[in-house]
Amino acid sequence: MTSAPTGKHDADSIVIDTRRQKLMMLLDSLKSLRGSIVGRPDLLYWIEKAIAEAEAQLETPIPRMH
């Protein structure tokens, strides 16, 4: 993978953690918004779709076999 002396691995980890935090905040906001929508099934559809996409991005990827 990457070598430790360059610090690239640590930088990648920070980027991943930051991205994960942003996705979690987005997911929380979408879930809150979903709870406040009444009588708009069209909006609920898109909110549910966005929630599913955010949750899929938060799942840990399966390591590739080389």
N, C-alpha and C. Protein backbone atom coordinates (compact mmCIF):
# COMPACT_ATOMS: atom_id res chain seq x y z
N MET A 1 0.84 -1.19 0.00
CA MET A 1 0.00 0.00 0.00
C MET A 1 0.88 1.25 0.00
N THR A 2 0.68 2.12 0.99
CA THR A 2 1.47 3.34 1.06
C THR A 2 2.50 3.21 2.16
N SER A 3 3.56 3.97 2.03
CA SER A 3 4.61 3.90 3.05
C SER A 3 4.32 4.89 4.16
N ALA A 4 4.68 4.51 5.36
CA ALA A 4 4.42 5.34 6.53
C ALA A 4 5.22 6.64 6.54
N PRO A 5 6.51 6.63 6.10
CA PRO A 5 7.27 7.87 6.18
C PRO A 5 6.69 9.04 5.38
N THR A 6 5.97 8.77 4.32
CA THR A 6 5.42 9.87 3.52
C THR A 6 4.22 10.52 4.19
N GLY A 7 3.57 9.81 5.09
CA GLY A 7 2.39 10.35 5.74
C GLY A 7 1.14 10.23 4.90
N LYS A 8 1.24 9.64 3.72
CA LYS A 8 0.09 9.51 2.83
C LYS A 8 -1.02 8.69 3.46
N HIS A 9 -0.64 7.61 4.14
CA HIS A 9 -1.64 6.75 4.77
C HIS A 9 -2.44 7.53 5.81
N ASP A 10 -1.76 8.32 6.62
CA ASP A 10 -2.44 9.13 7.63
C ASP A 10 -3.36 10.17 6.99
N ALA A 11 -2.90 10.78 5.92
CA ALA A 11 -3.71 11.78 5.22
C ALA A 11 -4.95 11.13 4.63
N ASP A 12 -4.80 9.94 4.06
CA ASP A 12 -5.94 9.21 3.50
C ASP A 12 -6.95 8.90 4.59
N SER A 13 -6.45 8.50 5.74
CA SER A 13 -7.32 8.16 6.87
C SER A 13 -8.12 9.38 7.33
N ILE A 14 -7.47 10.53 7.36
CA ILE A 14 -8.16 11.76 7.77
C ILE A 14 -9.24 12.12 6.76
N VAL A 15 -8.94 11.99 5.48
CA VAL A 15 -9.92 12.29 4.43
C VAL A 15 -11.11 11.35 4.55
N ILE A 16 -10.86 10.07 4.78
CA ILE A 16 -11.94 9.10 4.93
C ILE A 16 -12.79 9.42 6.15
N ASP A 17 -12.14 9.76 7.28
CA ASP A 17 -12.88 10.09 8.50
C ASP A 17 -13.74 11.34 8.30
N THR A 18 -13.19 12.33 7.63
CA THR A 18 -13.94 13.57 7.36
C THR A 18 -15.13 13.28 6.46
N ARG A 19 -14.90 12.49 5.43
CA ARG A 19 -15.99 12.13 4.51
C ARG A 19 -17.08 11.37 5.26
N ARG A 20 -16.69 10.45 6.12
CA ARG A 20 -17.65 9.67 6.90
C ARG A 20 -18.46 10.57 7.83
N GLN A 21 -17.81 11.54 8.47
CA GLN A 21 -18.52 12.47 9.35
C GLN A 21 -19.54 13.29 8.56
N LYS A 22 -19.15 13.75 7.38
CA LYS A 22 -20.08 14.53 6.55
C LYS A 22 -21.27 13.68 6.11
N LEU A 23 -21.01 12.43 5.75
CA LEU A 23 -22.10 11.53 5.36
C LEU A 23 -23.04 11.28 6.54
N MET A 24 -22.48 11.12 7.73
CA MET A 24 -23.32 10.90 8.92
C MET A 24 -24.20 12.12 9.20
N MET A 25 -23.63 13.32 9.06
CA MET A 25 -24.41 14.54 9.27
C MET A 25 -25.51 14.64 8.23
N LEU A 26 -25.19 14.33 6.98
CA LEU A 26 -26.19 14.35 5.90
C LEU A 26 -27.30 13.35 6.18
N LEU A 27 -26.91 12.16 6.60
CA LEU A 27 -27.88 11.11 6.90
C LEU A 27 -28.80 11.53 8.04
N ASP A 28 -28.25 12.09 9.09
CA ASP A 28 -29.07 12.57 10.21
C ASP A 28 -30.05 13.65 9.76
N SER A 29 -29.57 14.57 8.91
CA SER A 29 -30.44 15.64 8.41
C SER A 29 -31.56 15.08 7.55
N LEU A 30 -31.23 14.13 6.68
CA LEU A 30 -32.26 13.52 5.83
C LEU A 30 -33.31 12.78 6.65
N LYS A 31 -32.87 12.08 7.68
CA LYS A 31 -33.82 11.35 8.53
C LYS A 31 -34.72 12.32 9.29
N SER A 32 -34.15 13.43 9.73
CA SER A 32 -34.95 14.44 10.41
C SER A 32 -35.96 15.06 9.45
N LEU A 33 -35.51 15.35 8.25
CA LEU A 33 -36.39 15.91 7.23
C LEU A 33 -37.51 14.94 6.88
N ARG A 34 -37.17 13.67 6.79
CA ARG A 34 -38.16 12.64 6.48
C ARG A 34 -39.29 12.65 7.51
N GLY A 35 -38.93 12.84 8.76
CA GLY A 35 -39.94 12.86 9.83
C GLY A 35 -40.85 14.07 9.78
N SER A 36 -40.41 15.15 9.12
CA SER A 36 -41.23 16.36 9.09
C SER A 36 -42.09 16.48 7.83
N ILE A 37 -41.91 15.58 6.89
CA ILE A 37 -42.68 15.63 5.64
C ILE A 37 -44.02 14.91 5.85
N VAL A 38 -45.10 15.64 5.59
CA VAL A 38 -46.44 15.06 5.73
C VAL A 38 -47.21 15.34 4.44
N GLY A 39 -47.82 14.29 3.91
CA GLY A 39 -48.68 14.47 2.75
C GLY A 39 -47.94 14.72 1.44
N ARG A 40 -46.67 14.40 1.36
CA ARG A 40 -45.90 14.59 0.13
C ARG A 40 -45.14 13.31 -0.20
N PRO A 41 -45.84 12.29 -0.68
CA PRO A 41 -45.16 11.03 -0.99
C PRO A 41 -44.07 11.19 -2.05
N ASP A 42 -44.22 12.18 -2.94
CA ASP A 42 -43.18 12.41 -3.94
C ASP A 42 -41.87 12.85 -3.30
N LEU A 43 -41.94 13.72 -2.31
CA LEU A 43 -40.74 14.14 -1.60
C LEU A 43 -40.17 13.01 -0.74
N LEU A 44 -41.05 12.26 -0.10
CA LEU A 44 -40.59 11.15 0.72
C LEU A 44 -39.82 10.12 -0.11
N TYR A 45 -40.26 9.90 -1.33
CA TYR A 45 -39.58 8.96 -2.22
C TYR A 45 -38.12 9.38 -2.41
N TRP A 46 -37.89 10.66 -2.73
CA TRP A 46 -36.54 11.13 -3.00
C TRP A 46 -35.70 11.19 -1.73
N ILE A 47 -36.33 11.49 -0.61
CA ILE A 47 -35.60 11.50 0.65
C ILE A 47 -35.18 10.08 1.01
N GLU A 48 -36.07 9.13 0.86
CA GLU A 48 -35.74 7.72 1.13
C GLU A 48 -34.62 7.24 0.21
N LYS A 49 -34.67 7.66 -1.02
CA LYS A 49 -33.64 7.27 -1.98
C LYS A 49 -32.28 7.86 -1.56
N ALA A 50 -32.26 9.09 -1.14
CA ALA A 50 -31.03 9.75 -0.68
C ALA A 50 -30.50 9.08 0.60
N ILE A 51 -31.39 8.70 1.50
CA ILE A 51 -30.99 8.01 2.72
C ILE A 51 -30.34 6.67 2.37
N ALA A 52 -30.95 5.93 1.47
CA ALA A 52 -30.40 4.63 1.07
C ALA A 52 -29.01 4.80 0.44
N GLU A 53 -28.84 5.82 -0.37
CA GLU A 53 -27.54 6.07 -1.00
C GLU A 53 -26.48 6.44 0.04
N ALA A 54 -26.84 7.29 0.98
CA ALA A 54 -25.89 7.69 2.03
C ALA A 54 -25.51 6.49 2.89
N GLU A 55 -26.48 5.66 3.23
CA GLU A 55 -26.19 4.47 4.03
C GLU A 55 -25.29 3.50 3.26
N ALA A 56 -25.51 3.38 1.97
CA ALA A 56 -24.67 2.49 1.15
C ALA A 56 -23.23 2.99 1.11
N GLN A 57 -23.04 4.30 1.08
CA GLN A 57 -21.70 4.85 1.06
C GLN A 57 -20.99 4.70 2.40
N LEU A 58 -21.76 4.56 3.47
CA LEU A 58 -21.16 4.39 4.79
C LEU A 58 -20.74 2.95 5.07
N GLU A 59 -21.27 2.01 4.30
CA GLU A 59 -20.90 0.62 4.51
C GLU A 59 -19.44 0.42 4.21
N THR A 60 -18.82 -0.44 4.99
CA THR A 60 -17.41 -0.75 4.79
C THR A 60 -17.24 -1.54 3.52
N PRO A 61 -16.38 -1.08 2.62
CA PRO A 61 -16.18 -1.82 1.37
C PRO A 61 -15.49 -3.16 1.62
N ILE A 62 -15.84 -4.13 0.83
CA ILE A 62 -15.24 -5.46 0.93
C ILE A 62 -13.88 -5.40 0.25
N PRO A 63 -12.83 -5.84 0.96
CA PRO A 63 -11.49 -5.79 0.35
C PRO A 63 -11.42 -6.62 -0.93
N ARG A 64 -10.72 -6.10 -1.92
CA ARG A 64 -10.55 -6.79 -3.19
C ARG A 64 -9.56 -7.95 -3.02
N MET A 65 -9.82 -8.99 -3.76
CA MET A 65 -8.87 -10.09 -3.82
C MET A 65 -8.01 -9.89 -5.05
N HIS A 66 -6.71 -9.88 -4.88
CA HIS A 66 -5.80 -9.64 -6.01
C HIS A 66 -5.45 -10.91 -6.70
